[in-house]
Amino acid sequence: MPSDLGTEQRPLRVAVVGSGPSGFYAAEALCKSDAHVKVDMFDRLPAPYGLVRYGVAPDHQKIKNVIKVYEKTAARDEVSFYGNVGVGEDISVADMRKYYDAILFTVGAASDRRLGIDGEDLAGSYTATEFVAWYNGHPDYRDRRFDLSQEVAVIIGQGNVAMDVSRILCKSVDELSKTDIARHALEALAESRVKEVHMIGRRGPAQAAFTPVEIREFGELDSCVPVFANPDDLNLSPASQAELEDPKNAPKKKNYEILSGFRDLDPGSAAKKFYIHFFQSPTALLSDGGERIARLELERNELTGDPGKQKAQGTGEKTVMPCGILFRSVGYRGVPIEGVPFHEQWGVFPNEGGRIQDDGRTVTGLYTAGWIKRGPSGVIGTNKPDAEETVGNLLADIGSLVPCSQPDSAALEADLSSRNIRYIRFEDWKKIDAAEVANGEAACKIREKFVSVDEMLAAVS
């Protein structure tokens, strides 16, 4: 084993699989280390940025400014981008190891957790993930159809994704038209008949997972007013009051203050109403004898336990409400990649500090970061220290890594070409990006996204 791995004579070759926030933070950390590195980033789509492009809501453009940081990383001499390459699909992990000393997976959590209740698969019941990907123009979801002819929409969950789905349903077309929302989504939402949006949470206002920025927006919408399904839910128990007095819960205390301000709003003749439900868990989706959802059964909860450890406990008190369309947003899980160990229960790649494990043993040369490492938690910035931890451990292992047999990007590119894989370099992506922005200007939008791989490839040509 040569001793010069990570030196100028033999740079450490790392493949970063996934080009979302975690992937770019990992690439940045590798480039800023003392080791000499060559980092190749892979994405199965031609477009980089992952969750920032296909997850962040179109009306939250400021959050997308982080792309400017990622562009600086992509422009570094040590970094190359290979889009439209599915690792584990187009090329196996085993074949990738011929060209890289280490492979770092940052592929996120692309699947939703299920509710596990009767009727969950009735027509009209959807996942938040597919709706978000659809309105953000993800190629895999562009042909999805959502029955927006219904007047009552329900979102299960109270995290920021649930808030995004609720807000997109509540906003007017005028409020969305200048964003980078996909054209097909804007056209469908223009025909929407949704008048009531209900967001269901199993715990109380002191425990809600959304952020102050997200909830505040609902008091500023053009034609929608927030309403409490049960205003008495804002009356806090001593345990919940104690939670809000804890300094580390300052954001949740701010949430409560904003929610309290909604109590006095008059919904009047607002075109839409956003109903906030606390202390409720879904127990069944019900049809009218057919195959589509018509009603939702809920069970009232009470909180038990000490401050900071309260859990929702069903009381047995059940109610039924109308429900024409439902989106579940109760957590996310990763998707397996062939050739990489996967924890089926947790939905992550099993790891210790980012070192991938198989039956408790470290798999030499395989690493992970982001949601596929730790589960779906935190905001975009949370992925930076997470990726840095993994990179630190990867670099600490440099003496025990098995050097790849073909440390040559030209050999990789020849392999990809032999498989008829049309890979996209970062300069190709910049052509796609420029075309989207130009198309957006013509439509008085920030950008008009291409929503198919073929459209993106044509823009490069």
Protein backbone atom coordinates (compact mmCIF):
# COMPACT_ATOMS: atom_id res chain seq x y z
CA MET A 1 0.00 0.00 0.00
CA PRO A 2 1.59 3.29 -1.05
CA SER A 3 2.23 5.81 1.68
CA ASP A 4 1.64 8.82 -0.56
CA LEU A 5 -2.19 8.71 -0.61
CA GLY A 6 -3.42 12.26 -0.09
CA THR A 7 -0.19 13.83 -1.31
CA GLU A 8 0.51 16.00 -4.33
CA GLN A 9 1.92 12.94 -6.10
CA ARG A 10 -1.18 10.85 -5.37
CA PRO A 11 -4.23 12.92 -4.37
CA LEU A 12 -6.95 11.21 -2.36
CA ARG A 13 -9.78 10.43 -4.77
CA VAL A 14 -13.25 10.75 -3.24
CA ALA A 15 -16.61 10.27 -4.95
CA VAL A 16 -19.42 12.24 -3.32
CA VAL A 17 -22.71 10.64 -4.34
CA GLY A 18 -25.46 13.25 -4.12
CA SER A 19 -25.07 16.96 -4.85
CA GLY A 20 -27.39 18.50 -2.30
CA PRO A 21 -26.27 20.54 0.72
CA SER A 22 -24.51 17.65 2.47
CA GLY A 23 -22.63 16.76 -0.69
CA PHE A 24 -21.37 20.29 -1.21
CA TYR A 25 -20.45 20.74 2.45
CA ALA A 26 -18.51 17.46 2.30
CA ALA A 27 -16.72 18.55 -0.87
CA GLU A 28 -15.88 21.91 0.70
CA ALA A 29 -14.49 20.25 3.84
CA LEU A 30 -12.34 17.90 1.75
CA CYS A 31 -10.97 20.78 -0.31
CA LYS A 32 -10.13 22.84 2.77
CA SER A 33 -8.29 19.98 4.46
CA ASP A 34 -4.52 19.59 4.50
CA ALA A 35 -4.74 16.56 2.22
CA HIS A 36 -4.40 16.79 -1.53
CA VAL A 37 -7.75 15.65 -2.87
CA LYS A 38 -9.70 15.08 -6.08
CA VAL A 39 -13.44 15.22 -5.44
CA ASP A 40 -15.96 14.06 -8.03
CA MET A 41 -19.61 14.78 -7.24
CA PHE A 42 -22.35 12.61 -8.74
CA ASP A 43 -26.07 13.17 -9.10
CA ARG A 44 -28.59 10.98 -10.88
CA LEU A 45 -30.23 14.13 -12.28
CA PRO A 46 -28.51 16.61 -14.61
CA ALA A 47 -29.18 19.43 -12.12
CA PRO A 48 -27.22 19.80 -8.87
CA TYR A 49 -28.33 21.14 -5.45
CA GLY A 50 -30.76 18.38 -4.46
CA LEU A 51 -33.10 19.55 -1.70
CA VAL A 52 -32.36 23.22 -2.36
CA ARG A 53 -33.66 22.92 -5.93
CA TYR A 54 -36.38 20.32 -5.45
CA GLY A 55 -37.35 20.67 -1.78
CA VAL A 56 -37.22 24.34 -0.77
CA ALA A 57 -40.56 26.00 -1.49
CA PRO A 58 -40.69 28.26 -4.57
CA ASP A 59 -41.81 31.22 -2.44
CA HIS A 60 -38.72 30.90 -0.23
CA GLN A 61 -36.10 32.17 -2.65
CA LYS A 62 -33.83 33.65 0.03
CA ILE A 63 -33.10 30.15 1.32
CA LYS A 64 -31.87 29.24 -2.15
CA ASN A 65 -29.15 31.91 -1.97
CA VAL A 66 -26.96 29.24 -0.37
CA ILE A 67 -26.44 28.00 -3.94
CA LYS A 68 -23.91 30.82 -4.38
CA VAL A 69 -21.72 29.13 -1.77
CA TYR A 70 -22.05 25.78 -3.51
CA GLU A 71 -21.11 27.34 -6.86
CA LYS A 72 -17.79 28.45 -5.37
CA THR A 73 -17.09 24.89 -4.27
CA ALA A 74 -18.04 23.51 -7.70
CA ALA A 75 -15.66 25.99 -9.35
CA ARG A 76 -12.62 24.71 -7.43
CA ASP A 77 -9.97 22.89 -9.47
CA GLU A 78 -10.20 19.86 -7.17
CA VAL A 79 -13.93 19.39 -7.77
CA SER A 80 -15.75 17.92 -10.76
CA PHE A 81 -19.47 17.34 -11.26
CA TYR A 82 -21.02 14.38 -13.04
CA GLY A 83 -24.76 14.82 -13.40
CA ASN A 84 -27.21 12.36 -14.97
CA VAL A 85 -25.27 9.45 -13.44
CA GLY A 86 -27.12 7.11 -11.09
CA VAL A 87 -24.64 5.41 -8.78
CA GLY A 88 -26.05 1.98 -7.96
CA GLU A 89 -28.15 2.16 -11.14
CA ASP A 90 -26.09 3.29 -14.15
CA ILE A 91 -22.83 2.22 -12.53
CA SER A 92 -22.44 -0.10 -9.55
CA VAL A 93 -20.78 0.85 -6.29
CA ALA A 94 -18.27 -1.97 -6.90
CA ASP A 95 -17.30 -0.46 -10.26
CA MET A 96 -17.04 3.00 -8.71
CA ARG A 97 -14.48 1.68 -6.26
CA LYS A 98 -12.08 1.06 -9.15
CA TYR A 99 -11.80 4.84 -9.57
CA TYR A 100 -12.05 6.14 -5.99
CA ASP A 101 -10.26 5.55 -2.71
CA ALA A 102 -13.41 6.47 -0.79
CA ILE A 103 -17.08 6.96 -1.63
CA LEU A 104 -19.18 9.34 0.49
CA PHE A 105 -22.96 9.00 0.14
CA THR A 106 -25.07 12.13 0.69
CA VAL A 107 -28.29 10.99 -0.97
CA GLY A 108 -30.82 12.31 1.55
CA ALA A 109 -34.12 10.73 2.57
CA ALA A 110 -36.31 10.46 -0.51
CA SER A 111 -39.18 8.39 0.87
CA ASP A 112 -42.02 9.20 3.32
CA ARG A 113 -42.90 7.35 6.48
CA ARG A 114 -46.38 5.88 6.50
CA LEU A 115 -49.19 6.64 8.93
CA GLY A 116 -49.94 2.95 9.41
CA ILE A 117 -53.73 3.41 9.54
CA ASP A 118 -56.69 1.94 7.67
CA GLY A 119 -57.51 3.64 4.38
CA GLU A 120 -54.08 5.16 3.90
CA ASP A 121 -53.93 3.98 0.29
CA LEU A 122 -57.34 5.29 -0.76
CA ALA A 123 -57.37 7.55 -3.80
CA GLY A 124 -56.84 11.14 -2.73
CA SER A 125 -54.25 10.22 -0.08
CA TYR A 126 -50.77 11.42 -0.99
CA THR A 127 -47.33 12.03 0.48
CA ALA A 128 -45.98 15.51 1.08
CA THR A 129 -42.77 14.50 -0.69
CA GLU A 130 -44.45 13.82 -4.02
CA PHE A 131 -46.45 17.07 -3.86
CA VAL A 132 -43.35 19.14 -3.02
CA ALA A 133 -41.34 17.48 -5.80
CA TRP A 134 -44.24 18.02 -8.23
CA TYR A 135 -44.61 21.75 -7.63
CA ASN A 136 -40.82 22.15 -7.68
CA GLY A 137 -40.50 20.53 -11.11
CA HIS A 138 -38.69 17.30 -10.19
CA PRO A 139 -38.55 15.13 -13.36
CA ASP A 140 -39.68 12.01 -11.50
CA TYR A 141 -42.91 13.69 -10.38
CA ARG A 142 -43.89 16.01 -13.23
CA ASP A 143 -46.69 13.70 -14.40
CA ARG A 144 -48.31 13.25 -10.97
CA ARG A 145 -51.92 14.31 -10.68
CA PHE A 146 -53.49 15.65 -7.48
CA ASP A 147 -57.24 15.98 -7.10
CA LEU A 148 -57.47 19.69 -6.36
CA SER A 149 -61.17 19.71 -7.22
CA GLN A 150 -61.86 18.97 -3.54
CA GLU A 151 -62.79 21.78 -1.14
CA VAL A 152 -61.22 20.31 2.02
CA ALA A 153 -57.50 19.46 2.14
CA VAL A 154 -55.79 17.92 5.17
CA ILE A 155 -52.08 17.83 5.99
CA ILE A 156 -50.93 15.39 8.66
CA GLY A 157 -47.87 16.76 10.47
CA GLN A 158 -46.68 20.14 11.70
CA GLY A 159 -43.09 20.36 10.56
CA ASN A 160 -41.79 22.86 8.02
CA VAL A 161 -42.60 20.59 5.07
CA ALA A 162 -46.21 20.35 6.25
CA MET A 163 -46.20 24.14 6.48
CA ASP A 164 -44.88 24.45 2.92
CA VAL A 165 -47.59 22.17 1.53
CA SER A 166 -50.26 24.05 3.48
CA ARG A 167 -48.99 27.45 2.36
CA ILE A 168 -48.80 26.50 -1.33
CA LEU A 169 -52.42 25.31 -1.14
CA CYS A 170 -53.46 28.50 0.66
CA LYS A 171 -51.72 31.04 -1.55
CA SER A 172 -53.31 32.72 -4.52
CA VAL A 173 -51.92 32.22 -8.01
CA ASP A 174 -50.80 35.87 -8.02
CA GLU A 175 -48.66 35.19 -4.94
CA LEU A 176 -46.98 32.23 -6.66
CA SER A 177 -46.77 33.34 -10.29
CA LYS A 178 -43.43 35.15 -10.07
CA THR A 179 -41.63 32.35 -8.19
CA ASP A 180 -39.86 29.39 -9.79
CA ILE A 181 -42.83 27.08 -9.23
CA ALA A 182 -43.21 24.60 -12.10
CA ARG A 183 -45.58 25.75 -14.83
CA HIS A 184 -47.68 22.59 -14.64
CA ALA A 185 -48.17 23.11 -10.89
CA LEU A 186 -49.14 26.76 -11.26
CA GLU A 187 -51.70 25.85 -13.91
CA ALA A 188 -53.19 23.12 -11.72
CA LEU A 189 -53.29 25.35 -8.64
CA ALA A 190 -55.05 28.04 -10.69
CA GLU A 191 -57.92 25.56 -11.11
CA SER A 192 -57.87 24.46 -7.45
CA ARG A 193 -61.19 24.46 -5.60
CA VAL A 194 -59.59 24.01 -2.18
CA LYS A 195 -61.20 26.37 0.33
CA GLU A 196 -60.16 24.82 3.64
CA VAL A 197 -56.68 23.58 4.55
CA HIS A 198 -56.45 21.67 7.83
CA MET A 199 -53.07 20.97 9.46
CA ILE A 200 -53.18 18.19 12.07
CA GLY A 201 -50.66 17.81 14.90
CA ARG A 202 -50.60 15.13 17.60
CA ARG A 203 -49.15 17.38 20.30
CA GLY A 204 -49.77 20.97 21.37
CA PRO A 205 -48.72 24.49 20.33
CA ALA A 206 -45.70 24.36 22.64
CA GLN A 207 -44.33 21.27 20.87
CA ALA A 208 -45.05 22.08 17.20
CA ALA A 209 -42.03 21.40 14.99
CA PHE A 210 -42.45 24.32 12.58
CA THR A 211 -40.32 27.47 12.87
CA PRO A 212 -41.46 31.03 13.68
CA VAL A 213 -40.69 32.17 10.13
CA GLU A 214 -42.97 29.49 8.70
CA ILE A 215 -45.96 30.10 10.96
CA ARG A 216 -45.71 33.90 10.76
CA GLU A 217 -46.30 33.80 7.00
CA PHE A 218 -49.83 32.51 7.50
CA GLY A 219 -50.81 35.84 9.01
CA GLU A 220 -49.62 37.65 5.89
CA LEU A 221 -51.39 35.81 3.06
CA ASP A 222 -53.55 37.72 0.57
CA SER A 223 -56.73 35.66 0.70
CA CYS A 224 -56.34 33.13 3.51
CA VAL A 225 -56.76 33.51 7.27
CA PRO A 226 -55.50 31.11 9.99
CA VAL A 227 -58.18 29.70 12.30
CA PHE A 228 -57.90 27.43 15.34
CA ALA A 229 -60.04 24.32 15.14
CA ASN A 230 -60.23 24.51 18.94
CA PRO A 231 -59.08 27.85 20.40
CA ASP A 232 -58.87 26.28 23.87
CA ASP A 233 -55.86 24.29 22.65
CA LEU A 234 -53.81 27.46 23.18
CA ASN A 235 -54.35 27.16 26.95
CA LEU A 236 -51.08 25.64 28.15
CA SER A 237 -50.65 23.04 30.86
CA PRO A 238 -48.03 23.74 33.56
CA ALA A 239 -45.67 21.25 31.88
CA SER A 240 -45.98 22.92 28.48
CA GLN A 241 -45.59 26.36 30.07
CA ALA A 242 -42.38 25.13 31.72
CA GLU A 243 -41.10 23.92 28.34
CA LEU A 244 -41.55 27.36 26.82
CA GLU A 245 -39.64 28.99 29.69
CA ASP A 246 -36.59 26.86 28.91
CA PRO A 247 -34.11 29.17 27.08
CA LYS A 248 -33.29 26.48 24.51
CA ASN A 249 -36.95 26.51 23.45
CA ALA A 250 -36.94 30.20 22.49
CA PRO A 251 -38.12 29.43 18.91
CA LYS A 252 -41.08 27.44 20.24
CA LYS A 253 -41.93 30.27 22.61
CA LYS A 254 -41.91 32.61 19.61
CA ASN A 255 -44.18 30.15 17.78
CA TYR A 256 -46.62 30.35 20.66
CA GLU A 257 -46.60 34.14 20.66
CA ILE A 258 -47.34 34.21 16.92
CA LEU A 259 -50.09 31.63 17.28
CA SER A 260 -51.64 33.62 20.12
CA GLY A 261 -51.77 36.63 17.83
CA PHE A 262 -53.85 34.63 15.35
CA ARG A 263 -56.56 34.07 17.96
CA ASP A 264 -58.10 37.49 17.32
CA LEU A 265 -58.07 37.33 13.52
CA ASP A 266 -61.48 37.47 11.85
CA PRO A 267 -61.73 34.97 8.97
CA GLY A 268 -64.75 36.88 7.69
CA SER A 269 -65.17 36.38 3.97
CA ALA A 270 -61.63 35.16 3.29
CA ALA A 271 -61.49 32.98 0.17
CA LYS A 272 -59.57 30.29 2.07
CA LYS A 273 -59.15 29.30 5.70
CA PHE A 274 -56.16 27.57 7.27
CA TYR A 275 -57.34 25.47 10.23
CA ILE A 276 -54.73 24.55 12.84
CA HIS A 277 -55.49 21.41 14.86
CA PHE A 278 -53.54 20.37 17.95
CA PHE A 279 -53.77 17.24 20.12
CA GLN A 280 -55.17 15.08 17.29
CA SER A 281 -53.93 11.86 15.69
CA PRO A 282 -55.38 10.28 12.53
CA THR A 283 -56.81 6.81 13.17
CA ALA A 284 -58.46 5.99 9.83
CA LEU A 285 -59.18 7.37 6.38
CA LEU A 286 -62.76 6.63 5.36
CA SER A 287 -64.48 6.40 2.00
CA ASP A 288 -68.13 6.69 1.05
CA GLY A 289 -68.11 3.09 -0.06
CA GLY A 290 -65.89 3.75 -3.06
CA GLU A 291 -62.12 3.83 -3.51
CA ARG A 292 -61.40 7.46 -2.65
CA ILE A 293 -61.08 9.31 0.61
CA ALA A 294 -64.13 11.20 1.92
CA ARG A 295 -63.58 11.58 5.65
CA LEU A 296 -60.84 11.45 8.27
CA GLU A 297 -61.22 9.89 11.72
CA LEU A 298 -59.21 11.59 14.48
CA GLU A 299 -58.51 10.69 18.09
CA ARG A 300 -58.05 13.38 20.73
CA ASN A 301 -54.72 13.22 22.58
CA GLU A 302 -53.50 14.41 25.94
CA LEU A 303 -49.89 14.99 26.91
CA THR A 304 -48.29 12.95 29.67
CA GLY A 305 -44.83 13.20 31.20
CA ASP A 306 -42.44 15.79 32.53
CA PRO A 307 -41.54 19.04 30.73
CA GLY A 308 -39.39 18.27 27.70
CA LYS A 309 -40.44 14.62 27.74
CA GLN A 310 -44.17 14.89 27.13
CA LYS A 311 -45.74 12.32 24.84
CA ALA A 312 -49.12 12.25 23.14
CA GLN A 313 -51.48 9.67 24.58
CA GLY A 314 -54.81 8.83 22.94
CA THR A 315 -57.89 9.51 25.06
CA GLY A 316 -60.30 7.33 23.10
CA GLU A 317 -62.37 10.38 22.13
CA LYS A 318 -62.85 10.21 18.36
CA THR A 319 -64.30 12.60 15.81
CA VAL A 320 -64.81 12.43 12.05
CA MET A 321 -64.25 15.36 9.68
CA PRO A 322 -64.68 15.82 5.91
CA CYS A 323 -61.50 15.22 3.91
CA GLY A 324 -61.31 15.40 0.13
CA ILE A 325 -57.54 15.25 -0.28
CA LEU A 326 -54.84 14.39 2.25
CA PHE A 327 -51.06 14.75 2.43
CA ARG A 328 -49.00 12.97 5.05
CA SER A 329 -45.84 14.67 6.34
CA VAL A 330 -44.82 12.63 9.36
CA GLY A 331 -41.18 11.91 8.66
CA TYR A 332 -38.86 10.69 5.95
CA ARG A 333 -36.59 7.74 5.35
CA GLY A 334 -33.77 6.94 3.01
CA VAL A 335 -33.87 4.59 0.03
CA PRO A 336 -31.42 1.68 -0.31
CA ILE A 337 -28.60 1.71 -2.87
CA GLU A 338 -27.42 -1.64 -4.16
CA GLY A 339 -24.04 -2.48 -2.69
CA VAL A 340 -24.43 -0.31 0.44
CA PRO A 341 -25.62 -1.62 3.84
CA PHE A 342 -29.06 -0.25 4.80
CA HIS A 343 -30.92 -0.14 8.11
CA GLU A 344 -34.46 -1.06 7.10
CA GLN A 345 -36.07 0.04 10.36
CA TRP A 346 -34.37 3.43 10.61
CA GLY A 347 -34.18 4.16 6.89
CA VAL A 348 -30.50 5.18 6.99
CA PHE A 349 -27.09 3.81 6.07
CA PRO A 350 -25.88 2.34 9.38
CA ASN A 351 -22.77 4.22 10.47
CA GLU A 352 -20.56 5.42 13.28
CA GLY A 353 -19.56 9.04 12.79
CA GLY A 354 -20.19 8.68 9.07
CA ARG A 355 -18.20 5.45 8.67
CA ILE A 356 -20.65 2.99 7.09
CA GLN A 357 -21.12 -0.21 9.09
CA ASP A 358 -22.22 -3.70 8.07
CA ASP A 359 -23.34 -5.86 10.98
CA GLY A 360 -21.34 -3.64 13.32
CA ARG A 361 -18.14 -3.77 11.25
CA THR A 362 -16.78 -0.74 9.42
CA VAL A 363 -16.85 -1.05 5.64
CA THR A 364 -13.50 0.32 4.50
CA GLY A 365 -13.84 3.21 2.08
CA LEU A 366 -17.59 3.83 2.40
CA TYR A 367 -18.89 6.93 4.22
CA THR A 368 -22.12 8.88 4.58
CA ALA A 369 -23.40 12.31 5.60
CA GLY A 370 -26.69 14.19 5.83
CA TRP A 371 -30.14 12.73 6.29
CA ILE A 372 -29.11 9.30 5.00
CA LYS A 373 -26.55 9.31 7.84
CA ARG A 374 -28.52 10.70 10.79
CA GLY A 375 -32.16 10.69 9.70
CA PRO A 376 -34.31 13.67 8.66
CA SER A 377 -33.48 16.38 11.17
CA GLY A 378 -32.32 19.97 11.18
CA VAL A 379 -32.20 22.69 8.53
CA ILE A 380 -29.88 23.10 5.54
CA GLY A 381 -27.07 24.51 7.69
CA THR A 382 -27.24 21.53 10.06
CA ASN A 383 -25.65 19.47 7.31
CA LYS A 384 -22.38 21.43 7.42
CA PRO A 385 -21.03 20.19 10.79
CA ASP A 386 -22.50 16.78 10.03
CA ALA A 387 -20.54 16.55 6.77
CA GLU A 388 -17.42 17.92 8.45
CA GLU A 389 -17.60 15.15 11.06
CA THR A 390 -17.70 12.51 8.35
CA VAL A 391 -14.88 14.10 6.36
CA GLY A 392 -12.76 14.34 9.51
CA ASN A 393 -13.16 10.61 10.08
CA LEU A 394 -12.49 9.84 6.42
CA LEU A 395 -9.24 11.78 6.54
CA ALA A 396 -8.29 10.09 9.81
CA ASP A 397 -8.67 6.75 8.00
CA ILE A 398 -6.45 7.71 5.09
CA GLY A 399 -3.70 5.30 6.17
CA SER A 400 -6.08 2.33 6.14
CA LEU A 401 -7.89 3.06 2.87
CA VAL A 402 -7.34 0.70 -0.05
CA PRO A 403 -6.06 2.80 -2.98
CA CYS A 404 -8.20 2.43 -6.08
CA SER A 405 -6.81 0.57 -9.06
CA GLN A 406 -7.53 3.28 -11.65
CA PRO A 407 -7.01 6.73 -10.09
CA ASP A 408 -7.91 8.49 -13.31
CA SER A 409 -10.99 10.52 -14.22
CA ALA A 410 -10.41 9.83 -17.90
CA ALA A 411 -10.85 6.11 -17.21
CA LEU A 412 -14.09 6.82 -15.36
CA GLU A 413 -15.41 8.96 -18.21
CA ALA A 414 -14.53 6.29 -20.77
CA ASP A 415 -16.40 3.75 -18.64
CA LEU A 416 -19.48 5.98 -18.43
CA SER A 417 -19.40 6.61 -22.18
CA SER A 418 -19.12 2.88 -22.87
CA ARG A 419 -22.38 2.46 -20.94
CA ASN A 420 -24.04 5.14 -23.10
CA ILE A 421 -24.38 7.41 -20.07
CA ARG A 422 -24.51 11.04 -21.14
CA TYR A 423 -22.94 12.67 -18.12
CA ILE A 424 -23.35 16.38 -17.45
CA ARG A 425 -20.39 18.48 -16.31
CA PHE A 426 -20.82 21.64 -14.25
CA GLU A 427 -20.25 23.86 -17.27
CA ASP A 428 -23.11 21.96 -18.96
CA TRP A 429 -25.30 22.65 -15.94
CA LYS A 430 -24.53 26.37 -16.25
CA LYS A 431 -26.02 26.26 -19.76
CA ILE A 432 -29.17 24.62 -18.37
CA ASP A 433 -29.27 27.20 -15.59
CA ALA A 434 -28.93 30.12 -18.01
CA ALA A 435 -31.69 28.75 -20.24
CA GLU A 436 -34.05 28.35 -17.26
CA VAL A 437 -33.41 31.92 -16.13
CA ALA A 438 -33.96 33.23 -19.66
CA ASN A 439 -37.21 31.28 -20.00
CA GLY A 440 -38.27 32.64 -16.62
CA GLU A 441 -37.63 36.23 -17.66
CA ALA A 442 -39.86 35.70 -20.69
CA ALA A 443 -42.63 34.51 -18.36
CA CYS A 444 -41.99 37.22 -15.71
CA LYS A 445 -40.71 34.57 -13.29
CA ILE A 446 -37.45 34.02 -11.41
CA ARG A 447 -36.84 30.98 -13.59
CA GLU A 448 -38.82 28.42 -15.56
CA LYS A 449 -37.42 25.02 -14.66
CA PHE A 450 -37.00 22.25 -17.16
CA VAL A 451 -39.06 19.38 -15.79
CA SER A 452 -37.63 16.49 -17.80
CA VAL A 453 -34.14 15.12 -18.26
CA ASP A 454 -34.55 15.30 -22.04
CA GLU A 455 -35.30 19.04 -21.83
CA MET A 456 -32.15 19.58 -19.77
CA LEU A 457 -29.99 17.58 -22.16
CA ALA A 458 -31.43 19.49 -25.11
CA ALA A 459 -30.51 22.77 -23.43
CA VAL A 460 -26.89 21.61 -23.28
CA SER A 461 -26.91 20.71 -26.96
